[in-house]
Protein backbone atom coordinates (compact mmCIF):
# COMPACT_ATOMS: atom_id res chain seq x y z
CA MET A 1 -2.99 -26.48 -42.16
CA GLN A 2 -4.55 -29.64 -43.52
CA SER A 3 -7.58 -29.11 -41.30
CA ASP A 4 -8.32 -25.65 -42.76
CA ILE A 5 -11.77 -25.18 -44.25
CA ARG A 6 -13.67 -22.76 -46.44
CA VAL A 7 -17.41 -22.09 -46.70
CA ARG A 8 -18.99 -23.41 -49.86
CA GLU A 9 -22.66 -22.64 -49.23
CA THR A 10 -25.03 -21.19 -46.66
CA ALA A 11 -28.79 -21.45 -46.16
CA LEU A 12 -30.83 -19.36 -43.74
CA TYR A 13 -34.19 -20.10 -42.12
CA PHE A 14 -36.33 -17.95 -39.84
CA LEU A 15 -38.32 -19.91 -37.25
CA PRO A 16 -40.97 -17.89 -35.37
CA VAL A 17 -41.79 -19.18 -31.91
CA PRO A 18 -44.71 -17.91 -29.76
CA THR A 19 -44.32 -17.83 -25.98
CA ARG A 20 -46.74 -19.78 -23.78
CA VAL A 21 -46.70 -16.93 -21.24
CA PRO A 22 -45.36 -13.38 -21.67
CA LEU A 23 -41.70 -12.73 -20.84
CA ARG A 24 -41.21 -9.33 -19.24
CA PHE A 25 -37.76 -7.75 -18.92
CA GLY A 26 -36.16 -4.34 -19.28
CA GLY A 27 -39.52 -2.64 -19.73
CA ASN A 28 -40.41 -4.92 -22.66
CA THR A 29 -42.89 -7.76 -22.92
CA ILE A 30 -42.09 -10.56 -25.37
CA LYS A 31 -44.88 -12.76 -26.72
CA SER A 32 -42.90 -14.34 -29.54
CA VAL A 33 -39.37 -14.57 -30.89
CA THR A 34 -37.88 -15.57 -34.23
CA CYS A 35 -34.84 -17.82 -34.31
CA ALA A 36 -32.39 -17.56 -37.18
CA ARG A 37 -31.09 -20.99 -38.17
CA VAL A 38 -28.24 -21.39 -40.65
CA ARG A 39 -26.86 -24.43 -42.43
CA VAL A 40 -23.27 -24.06 -43.61
CA THR A 41 -21.51 -26.41 -46.01
CA VAL A 42 -17.73 -26.33 -45.61
CA GLU A 43 -14.98 -28.15 -47.44
CA ASN A 44 -11.28 -28.79 -46.97
CA SER A 45 -8.49 -28.50 -49.53
CA ALA A 46 -9.23 -32.03 -50.76
CA GLY A 47 -12.83 -31.09 -51.51
CA VAL A 48 -14.31 -33.17 -48.68
CA ALA A 49 -17.46 -31.42 -47.45
CA ALA A 50 -19.67 -31.40 -44.36
CA ASP A 51 -22.71 -29.52 -43.12
CA GLY A 52 -22.99 -27.69 -39.81
CA TRP A 53 -25.79 -25.83 -38.10
CA GLY A 54 -26.09 -22.71 -35.98
CA GLU A 55 -29.05 -20.96 -34.42
CA THR A 56 -29.70 -17.77 -32.47
CA PRO A 57 -32.91 -16.17 -31.17
CA LEU A 58 -33.28 -12.68 -32.61
CA SER A 59 -34.61 -11.20 -29.37
CA VAL A 60 -35.45 -7.74 -30.65
CA PRO A 61 -35.70 -5.81 -27.33
CA TRP A 62 -32.48 -7.29 -26.00
CA ILE A 63 -30.50 -6.69 -29.19
CA TRP A 64 -31.93 -3.27 -30.03
CA ASN A 65 -33.79 -1.47 -27.28
CA ASP A 66 -34.85 2.01 -28.35
CA HIS A 67 -37.97 3.83 -29.55
CA THR A 68 -37.76 2.63 -33.15
CA PRO A 69 -41.02 0.77 -33.95
CA TYR A 70 -40.75 -2.90 -33.04
CA LYS A 71 -41.65 -4.17 -36.52
CA THR A 72 -39.04 -1.89 -38.08
CA ARG A 73 -36.36 -3.26 -35.77
CA GLU A 74 -37.44 -6.86 -36.30
CA ASP A 75 -37.49 -6.58 -40.09
CA ALA A 76 -34.11 -4.87 -40.05
CA LEU A 77 -32.62 -7.71 -37.98
CA PHE A 78 -33.98 -10.27 -40.43
CA GLU A 79 -32.48 -8.37 -43.36
CA LEU A 80 -29.16 -7.86 -41.59
CA THR A 81 -28.92 -11.57 -40.74
CA GLU A 82 -29.49 -12.44 -44.39
CA LEU A 83 -26.90 -9.89 -45.50
CA LEU A 84 -24.23 -11.08 -43.05
CA THR A 85 -24.88 -14.76 -43.75
CA GLN A 86 -24.32 -14.10 -47.43
CA ALA A 87 -21.23 -11.98 -46.71
CA TRP A 88 -19.70 -14.84 -44.72
CA GLN A 89 -20.02 -17.03 -47.79
CA ASP A 90 -18.93 -14.42 -50.34
CA HIS A 91 -15.65 -13.44 -48.69
CA SER A 92 -14.10 -16.90 -49.10
CA LEU A 93 -12.58 -17.05 -45.63
CA THR A 94 -10.36 -20.03 -44.84
CA GLY A 95 -8.75 -21.59 -41.78
CA HIS A 96 -10.01 -22.69 -38.39
CA PRO A 97 -13.46 -21.19 -37.60
CA MET A 98 -11.96 -18.92 -34.93
CA GLU A 99 -9.49 -17.56 -37.46
CA MET A 100 -12.28 -17.03 -39.99
CA ALA A 101 -14.52 -15.35 -37.44
CA ALA A 102 -11.78 -13.00 -36.23
CA VAL A 103 -11.36 -11.67 -39.76
CA PHE A 104 -15.10 -11.44 -40.36
CA LEU A 105 -15.99 -9.74 -37.07
CA ASN A 106 -13.08 -7.28 -37.12
CA GLU A 107 -12.69 -6.48 -40.81
CA ILE A 108 -15.85 -7.39 -42.72
CA MET A 109 -18.89 -7.16 -40.46
CA PRO A 110 -18.33 -3.55 -39.34
CA GLY A 111 -18.29 -2.36 -42.94
CA GLU A 112 -21.37 -4.38 -43.82
CA LEU A 113 -23.16 -2.98 -40.76
CA GLN A 114 -22.21 0.60 -41.58
CA SER A 115 -23.41 0.15 -45.16
CA PHE A 116 -26.69 -1.28 -43.87
CA ARG A 117 -27.14 1.70 -41.57
CA HIS A 118 -26.58 4.04 -44.49
CA THR A 119 -28.99 2.32 -46.87
CA SER A 120 -31.71 1.72 -44.24
CA GLY A 121 -31.41 5.07 -42.50
CA LEU A 122 -31.62 3.24 -39.16
CA ARG A 123 -29.36 3.60 -36.11
CA VAL A 124 -28.69 -0.10 -35.82
CA PRO A 125 -26.57 -0.86 -32.71
CA GLY A 126 -23.25 -2.66 -32.97
CA LEU A 127 -24.62 -5.54 -30.91
CA ALA A 128 -27.04 -6.28 -33.76
CA GLY A 129 -24.16 -6.90 -36.14
CA ILE A 130 -22.60 -9.38 -33.73
CA VAL A 131 -25.84 -11.25 -32.95
CA CYS A 132 -26.92 -11.40 -36.60
CA SER A 133 -23.51 -12.83 -37.50
CA SER A 134 -23.70 -15.55 -34.87
CA PRO A 135 -25.90 -18.21 -36.57
CA VAL A 136 -23.55 -18.59 -39.55
CA GLU A 137 -20.49 -18.35 -37.30
CA LEU A 138 -21.83 -21.04 -34.96
CA ALA A 139 -22.72 -23.23 -37.94
CA THR A 140 -19.16 -22.98 -39.26
CA HIS A 141 -17.76 -24.14 -35.91
CA ASP A 142 -20.18 -27.06 -35.93
CA ALA A 143 -19.33 -27.99 -39.53
CA TYR A 144 -15.62 -27.94 -38.73
CA GLY A 145 -16.04 -30.56 -36.01
CA ILE A 146 -18.37 -32.61 -38.22
CA LEU A 147 -15.87 -32.60 -41.08
CA LEU A 148 -13.05 -33.74 -38.80
CA GLY A 149 -15.28 -36.19 -36.92
CA VAL A 150 -14.37 -34.77 -33.51
CA PRO A 151 -16.18 -32.79 -30.80
CA LEU A 152 -15.74 -29.09 -31.52
CA TYR A 153 -14.12 -28.30 -28.17
CA ALA A 154 -11.33 -30.75 -28.96
CA THR A 155 -10.18 -28.45 -31.79
CA TYR A 156 -9.25 -25.35 -29.79
CA ASN A 157 -5.55 -26.21 -29.59
CA ALA A 158 -2.29 -26.25 -31.54
CA ASP A 159 -3.24 -29.45 -33.38
CA TYR A 160 -5.92 -27.58 -35.30
CA MET A 161 -5.29 -23.84 -34.91
CA ARG A 162 -2.65 -22.05 -36.93
CA TYR A 163 -2.17 -19.26 -34.38
CA ASP A 164 -2.00 -19.09 -30.61
CA LEU A 165 -4.25 -16.70 -28.69
CA SER A 166 -1.78 -13.82 -28.84
CA ARG A 167 -2.84 -13.36 -32.47
CA TYR A 168 -6.38 -12.44 -31.38
CA PHE A 169 -5.18 -9.90 -28.80
CA GLU A 170 -2.40 -8.32 -30.88
CA GLU A 171 -4.01 -4.85 -30.87
CA ALA A 172 -3.07 -4.75 -27.16
CA PRO A 173 0.61 -5.85 -27.12
CA GLU A 174 0.90 -6.20 -23.35
CA THR A 175 -2.21 -8.39 -23.31
CA ALA A 176 -1.02 -10.38 -26.31
CA ARG A 177 2.18 -11.31 -24.47
CA LEU A 178 0.10 -12.99 -21.77
CA PHE A 179 -1.33 -15.36 -24.37
CA LYS A 180 1.87 -16.39 -26.18
CA ARG A 181 1.89 -20.15 -26.80
CA ARG A 182 -1.53 -20.42 -25.18
CA PHE A 183 -4.71 -21.72 -26.83
CA PRO A 184 -8.36 -21.73 -25.75
CA GLU A 185 -7.95 -25.31 -24.58
CA ASP A 186 -5.63 -24.07 -21.83
CA TYR A 187 -8.58 -22.27 -20.20
CA LEU A 188 -11.42 -24.65 -21.05
CA VAL A 189 -12.78 -27.63 -19.13
CA THR A 190 -11.43 -30.58 -21.10
CA THR A 191 -13.72 -33.14 -19.44
CA PRO A 192 -17.10 -31.40 -19.19
CA PRO A 193 -19.64 -32.52 -16.59
CA ALA A 194 -22.66 -34.46 -17.77
CA ARG A 195 -24.97 -32.43 -15.53
CA ILE A 196 -24.93 -28.66 -14.96
CA PRO A 197 -26.73 -26.56 -12.32
CA ALA A 198 -29.61 -24.67 -13.97
CA TRP A 199 -30.76 -21.12 -13.28
CA HIS A 200 -34.48 -20.37 -13.61
CA LEU A 201 -35.59 -16.95 -14.81
CA VAL A 202 -38.21 -15.08 -12.78
CA GLY A 203 -39.64 -12.56 -15.22
CA ALA A 204 -41.26 -9.34 -14.07
CA LEU A 205 -44.73 -10.76 -14.84
CA ASP A 206 -44.15 -14.27 -13.47
CA PRO A 207 -46.57 -15.14 -10.64
CA LEU A 208 -44.89 -16.53 -7.54
CA SER A 209 -47.73 -18.63 -6.12
CA PRO A 210 -51.51 -19.05 -6.48
CA GLU A 211 -52.01 -17.08 -3.26
CA CYS A 212 -50.21 -13.95 -4.49
CA ALA A 213 -50.86 -14.11 -8.23
CA PRO A 214 -52.26 -10.97 -9.86
CA GLU A 215 -55.87 -11.26 -10.92
CA ALA A 216 -54.87 -10.70 -14.55
CA VAL A 217 -52.62 -13.77 -14.70
CA VAL A 218 -53.70 -16.19 -17.42
CA ASP A 219 -52.94 -19.88 -16.99
CA PRO A 220 -52.41 -21.47 -20.44
CA ALA A 221 -53.37 -24.83 -18.88
CA ASP A 222 -50.89 -26.62 -21.12
CA GLY A 223 -49.49 -29.06 -18.61
CA TYR A 224 -46.46 -26.94 -17.66
CA PRO A 225 -46.08 -25.10 -14.35
CA LEU A 226 -47.25 -21.51 -14.08
CA TYR A 227 -46.24 -20.46 -10.57
CA LEU A 228 -42.67 -20.15 -9.31
CA THR A 229 -43.43 -22.45 -6.40
CA ASP A 230 -44.54 -25.18 -8.81
CA TRP A 231 -41.44 -24.75 -10.97
CA ILE A 232 -39.20 -25.06 -7.92
CA GLU A 233 -40.96 -28.20 -6.76
CA ARG A 234 -41.10 -29.87 -10.18
CA ASP A 235 -37.53 -29.09 -11.29
CA GLY A 236 -35.77 -29.08 -7.92
CA LEU A 237 -34.50 -25.57 -8.61
CA ARG A 238 -31.66 -24.10 -6.55
CA CYS A 239 -30.81 -20.95 -8.53
CA LEU A 240 -33.15 -18.07 -9.48
CA LYS A 241 -32.40 -15.05 -11.66
CA VAL A 242 -34.82 -12.18 -10.98
CA LYS A 243 -35.70 -9.51 -13.53
CA LEU A 244 -36.01 -6.02 -12.04
CA GLY A 245 -37.56 -2.95 -13.64
CA GLY A 246 -35.39 0.00 -12.65
CA GLN A 247 -38.44 2.21 -12.11
CA GLU A 248 -38.95 2.16 -8.35
CA ALA A 249 -36.26 1.09 -5.90
CA GLU A 250 -38.72 0.00 -3.23
CA ALA A 251 -40.60 -2.19 -5.71
CA ASP A 252 -37.40 -3.75 -7.06
CA GLY A 253 -36.10 -4.51 -3.57
CA SER A 254 -39.44 -5.95 -2.50
CA ARG A 255 -39.65 -8.13 -5.62
CA LEU A 256 -36.25 -9.67 -4.99
CA ILE A 257 -37.04 -10.20 -1.31
CA ARG A 258 -40.35 -11.88 -2.11
CA VAL A 259 -38.74 -14.19 -4.65
CA GLY A 260 -36.07 -15.10 -2.11
CA GLU A 261 -38.58 -15.67 0.64
CA PHE A 262 -40.66 -17.93 -1.59
CA GLY A 263 -37.66 -19.81 -2.93
CA MET A 264 -35.26 -20.27 -0.05
CA PRO A 265 -37.56 -22.32 2.22
CA ARG A 266 -38.08 -24.58 -0.81
CA GLY A 267 -34.37 -25.22 -1.34
CA VAL A 268 -33.17 -22.22 -3.40
CA THR A 269 -29.63 -21.28 -2.40
CA ALA A 270 -28.53 -18.74 -5.05
CA LEU A 271 -30.09 -15.56 -6.48
CA SER A 272 -29.06 -12.98 -9.04
CA ALA A 273 -30.65 -9.69 -10.09
CA ASP A 274 -30.83 -8.50 -13.68
CA PHE A 275 -31.84 -4.91 -14.49
CA ASN A 276 -31.32 -5.23 -18.27
CA CYS A 277 -29.87 -1.70 -18.42
CA THR A 278 -32.87 -0.04 -16.71
CA ALA A 279 -31.26 1.28 -13.50
CA PRO A 280 -31.04 5.10 -13.72
CA SER A 281 -27.99 5.48 -11.46
CA GLN A 282 -25.57 3.77 -9.12
CA GLU A 283 -27.40 5.36 -6.21
CA TYR A 284 -30.59 3.61 -7.34
CA VAL A 285 -28.92 0.19 -7.32
CA GLU A 286 -27.32 0.92 -3.94
CA GLU A 287 -30.75 1.81 -2.54
CA VAL A 288 -32.15 -1.52 -3.78
CA LEU A 289 -29.24 -3.48 -2.32
CA ASP A 290 -29.29 -1.62 0.99
CA ARG A 291 -33.02 -2.26 1.35
CA ILE A 292 -32.48 -5.99 0.83
CA ARG A 293 -29.49 -6.09 3.18
CA LEU A 294 -31.44 -4.43 6.00
CA ASP A 295 -34.84 -6.05 5.48
CA ALA A 296 -33.83 -9.55 4.41
CA PRO A 297 -30.20 -10.40 5.31
CA ALA A 298 -30.56 -14.04 4.25
CA VAL A 299 -31.78 -12.98 0.80
CA TYR A 300 -28.92 -10.50 0.52
CA LYS A 301 -26.41 -13.21 1.39
CA ALA A 302 -27.85 -15.52 -1.29
CA LEU A 303 -27.56 -12.76 -3.94
CA LEU A 304 -24.42 -13.73 -5.86
CA TYR A 305 -24.26 -10.84 -8.34
CA VAL A 306 -26.10 -8.03 -10.11
CA GLU A 307 -26.25 -8.16 -13.90
CA GLN A 308 -25.99 -5.15 -16.24
CA PRO A 309 -27.82 -2.47 -14.26
CA PHE A 310 -26.80 0.40 -16.56
CA PRO A 311 -27.34 1.01 -20.28
CA ALA A 312 -24.75 -0.33 -22.69
CA ASP A 313 -24.30 3.15 -24.18
CA ASN A 314 -21.49 5.69 -24.28
CA SER A 315 -21.70 6.18 -20.52
CA PHE A 316 -20.47 2.60 -20.07
CA TYR A 317 -17.05 3.73 -21.24
CA SER A 318 -16.65 6.39 -18.54
CA ARG A 319 -18.79 5.31 -15.56
CA ARG A 320 -16.66 3.96 -12.72
CA VAL A 321 -18.44 1.38 -10.57
CA GLU A 322 -15.90 0.22 -7.97
CA HIS A 323 -17.93 1.48 -5.01
CA LEU A 324 -21.10 -0.29 -6.10
CA ALA A 325 -19.20 -3.43 -7.11
CA ARG A 326 -17.84 -3.75 -3.57
CA LYS A 327 -21.41 -4.24 -2.31
CA LYS A 328 -22.25 -7.01 -4.77
CA PRO A 329 -20.35 -8.18 -7.87
CA LEU A 330 -21.45 -6.46 -11.10
CA TYR A 331 -21.56 -8.56 -14.26
CA MET A 332 -21.50 -7.13 -17.77
CA ASP A 333 -23.96 -8.52 -20.31
CA GLU A 334 -25.30 -6.25 -23.05
CA SER A 335 -22.18 -4.09 -22.73
CA ALA A 336 -19.83 -7.09 -23.15
CA GLU A 337 -19.80 -7.16 -26.94
CA SER A 338 -16.18 -8.32 -27.23
CA TRP A 339 -13.08 -9.06 -25.21
CA GLN A 340 -12.11 -5.39 -25.67
CA SER A 341 -15.28 -4.20 -23.92
CA VAL A 342 -14.78 -6.81 -21.18
CA ALA A 343 -11.25 -5.50 -20.59
CA HIS A 344 -12.50 -1.92 -20.54
CA GLY A 345 -15.28 -2.77 -18.11
CA ALA A 346 -12.84 -4.53 -15.81
CA GLY A 347 -10.81 -1.33 -15.72
CA LEU A 348 -13.91 0.55 -14.56
CA GLY A 349 -14.56 -1.86 -11.70
CA TRP A 350 -16.94 -4.45 -13.16
CA ASN A 351 -16.35 -7.79 -11.42
CA GLY A 352 -17.60 -10.37 -13.94
CA VAL A 353 -19.01 -11.02 -17.39
CA ALA A 354 -21.93 -12.92 -18.89
CA LEU A 355 -21.03 -15.09 -21.86
CA LYS A 356 -23.59 -15.78 -24.59
CA THR A 357 -23.33 -17.80 -27.79
CA CYS A 358 -25.46 -15.15 -29.50
CA LYS A 359 -22.36 -12.93 -29.36
CA THR A 360 -20.67 -15.62 -31.52
CA GLN A 361 -18.75 -18.67 -30.37
CA THR A 362 -15.46 -16.95 -31.11
CA GLY A 363 -16.42 -13.81 -29.22
CA ALA A 364 -17.56 -15.84 -26.21
CA LEU A 365 -14.33 -17.85 -26.15
CA LEU A 366 -12.06 -14.81 -26.45
CA SER A 367 -13.97 -12.98 -23.70
CA TYR A 368 -13.74 -16.11 -21.57
CA CYS A 369 -10.00 -16.52 -22.11
CA TRP A 370 -9.35 -12.86 -21.29
CA ALA A 371 -11.52 -13.06 -18.18
CA SER A 372 -9.90 -16.31 -17.04
CA GLU A 373 -6.39 -14.94 -17.49
CA HIS A 374 -7.37 -11.90 -15.41
CA GLU A 375 -9.20 -13.97 -12.75
CA MET A 376 -12.55 -12.43 -13.65
CA PRO A 377 -15.57 -14.68 -12.94
CA VAL A 378 -17.98 -15.56 -15.73
CA MET A 379 -21.51 -16.85 -16.14
CA VAL A 380 -23.13 -18.32 -19.23
CA GLN A 381 -26.44 -16.52 -19.64
CA ASP A 382 -29.46 -17.42 -21.71
CA LEU A 383 -31.27 -15.57 -24.48
CA THR A 384 -34.20 -17.94 -23.86
CA ASN A 385 -32.52 -20.36 -26.27
CA PRO A 386 -34.71 -23.13 -27.71
CA MET A 387 -34.03 -25.87 -30.29
CA LEU A 388 -30.43 -26.03 -31.57
CA ALA A 389 -29.57 -22.73 -29.87
CA GLN A 390 -29.97 -24.45 -26.51
CA LEU A 391 -27.43 -27.16 -27.35
CA SER A 392 -24.53 -24.88 -28.33
CA HIS A 393 -25.44 -22.71 -25.31
CA LEU A 394 -25.15 -25.64 -22.91
CA GLN A 395 -21.90 -26.81 -24.49
CA LEU A 396 -20.37 -23.39 -23.80
CA ALA A 397 -21.47 -23.60 -20.16
CA ALA A 398 -20.12 -27.13 -19.77
CA HIS A 399 -16.69 -26.21 -21.13
CA THR A 400 -16.19 -22.96 -19.19
CA ARG A 401 -15.58 -22.51 -15.49
CA THR A 402 -18.68 -20.53 -14.61
CA LEU A 403 -19.46 -19.05 -11.23
CA CYS A 404 -22.38 -21.44 -10.90
CA GLY A 405 -23.91 -23.46 -13.72
CA VAL A 406 -25.95 -21.99 -16.58
CA GLU A 407 -29.10 -19.95 -17.06
CA THR A 408 -31.65 -21.90 -19.09
CA ASN A 409 -35.27 -20.89 -19.46
CA SER A 410 -36.71 -21.80 -22.87
CA MET A 411 -38.56 -24.64 -21.11
CA GLN A 412 -40.46 -21.94 -19.19
CA PHE A 413 -41.55 -19.81 -22.13
CA TYR A 414 -41.74 -22.08 -25.21
CA PRO A 415 -41.05 -25.71 -24.28
CA ASP A 416 -42.98 -27.19 -27.20
CA ALA A 417 -40.75 -25.37 -29.68
CA SER A 418 -37.97 -27.85 -28.86
CA LEU A 419 -39.93 -31.10 -28.93
CA PRO A 420 -38.06 -32.62 -31.94
CA GLU A 421 -34.69 -31.83 -30.37
CA SER A 422 -35.79 -33.00 -26.91
CA ARG A 423 -36.55 -36.49 -28.22
CA VAL A 424 -32.83 -36.87 -28.99
CA HIS A 425 -31.46 -34.84 -26.06
CA PRO A 426 -34.16 -34.99 -23.35
CA GLY A 427 -31.92 -33.83 -20.52
CA ALA A 428 -31.01 -30.61 -22.34
CA TYR A 429 -34.62 -29.42 -22.40
CA THR A 430 -35.78 -30.43 -18.94
CA ARG A 431 -34.44 -29.71 -15.47
CA SER A 432 -34.26 -32.41 -12.84
CA GLY A 433 -32.81 -31.97 -9.38
CA GLY A 434 -31.98 -28.41 -10.38
CA MET A 435 -29.75 -29.65 -13.23
CA VAL A 436 -29.71 -30.04 -17.00
CA ASP A 437 -28.12 -33.14 -18.52
CA ILE A 438 -25.95 -33.04 -21.65
CA SER A 439 -24.72 -36.63 -21.52
CA THR A 440 -26.26 -37.32 -24.96
CA MET A 441 -24.10 -34.65 -26.66
CA GLY A 442 -20.81 -36.46 -27.17
CA GLY A 443 -20.74 -36.51 -30.98
CA PRO A 444 -18.76 -34.39 -33.44
CA GLY A 445 -19.23 -30.64 -33.77
CA PHE A 446 -21.59 -29.30 -31.14
CA GLY A 447 -22.97 -32.81 -30.69
CA TYR A 448 -26.43 -32.01 -32.09
CA ASP A 449 -26.75 -35.46 -33.70
CA ILE A 450 -28.77 -33.57 -36.29
CA GLU A 451 -29.61 -36.62 -38.40
CA ARG A 452 -31.75 -37.98 -35.58
CA ILE A 453 -33.68 -34.75 -35.01
CA GLU A 454 -36.91 -34.98 -36.95
CA ARG A 455 -37.63 -31.33 -37.62
CA GLU A 456 -39.18 -30.35 -40.92
CA LEU A 457 -37.62 -27.30 -42.51
CA PRO A 458 -38.62 -25.66 -45.78
CA ARG A 459 -36.48 -26.61 -48.74
CA THR A 460 -33.77 -24.12 -49.59
CA ALA A 461 -31.43 -23.61 -52.46
CA GLY A 462 -28.34 -21.42 -52.40
CA LYS A 463 -29.23 -17.89 -51.33
CA THR A 464 -32.93 -18.56 -50.73
CA VAL A 465 -34.26 -17.45 -47.38
CA ARG A 466 -37.39 -19.24 -46.18
CA LYS A 467 -39.66 -18.93 -43.14
CA ALA A 468 -41.02 -21.89 -41.26
CA GLN A 469 -43.59 -21.98 -38.48
CA VAL A 470 -42.47 -23.98 -35.46
């Protein structure tokens, strides 16, 4: 097609970001994160070129949670991101970005990942290959819209895509037939809302109020709220996602009850619980839920779903969860690496799926289309996305029919990291009336309006990889 593109050049930057307060989840405490930012130059058959940008936080414990030393895992993720960014350029893929990504993720990335495992001697999880591919994949989507001068989500249709969705599901013929003559646009929100309900993350270390704060809590005194009660009051929050530890059922149930009892009198109407793969069994989760149901019925009623209680390991492919899922909906997250895993999880009784741009734009859209076709609810969940990563994240939430809004919490843990971007898109980095505002993001591509964002990056040339301090 005339709109087909190819990648001419890539450049990769690593942007380390310290947290203002520790983020505790899944038995891990994060005090900093490094974002991988990629610039991609694409061109069409006439040689007309455009630049696009993509960014993903390389959240080490979420991507790769085992006993390998943290620094070893982090360095390996940096190296893998560099390798996959270069591979995206070297393989001369052409077409619409979804067509390019389907080839890369299915045919090229697995081989690159296996080779990296062999040379490094590390048991790098498959999720790492997907996440480390996402910055360059997101940048290619952005560049495509920039080159054409249209918002990216206006390109997911027959006017721009060579193949309908059945092409992406062809390994499952019965599924593929459902998507004949259908395109992503058929499932997406064509007129996205300007404002989206925002979910606030309550980390395992987050103090709820001055009266019940642990003595060890340290207030950074940086002008941002510290206590949950202050966040709720300042931002008008209505939705809270609570991190649970999976170590003691009584403690997990009590934590969720306390959060609900602090939040609901202040206007909170929706809760979710996220175990981040730490729950040891279905019986454990049932005990937590039963405790909440008996001790705090109003909190139990406000609990909309439970996110990824069990590890995303081999047991995911055999563990049936229908009984537990009848108590409260179960949403896949870490285990939802692709539409194939979403389909498999649905067959085991999982009720919903969390979409994330860090699993690639293409992967998120295919999972969303499969889920929508099968009437499976979705949420768009955060990876504590700052800077450009926040903007593509919010665009995904605005264009998909989520259960309720979008999780967004970089303003809690590193708000100053996004100051240059927030001057152009203030509503995307603050929450008002319990909402984020993306009304400034109407331009081509992801709508970054990158020329107006005054962020200094180190100079790059070709294959050079540079680090910049945010």
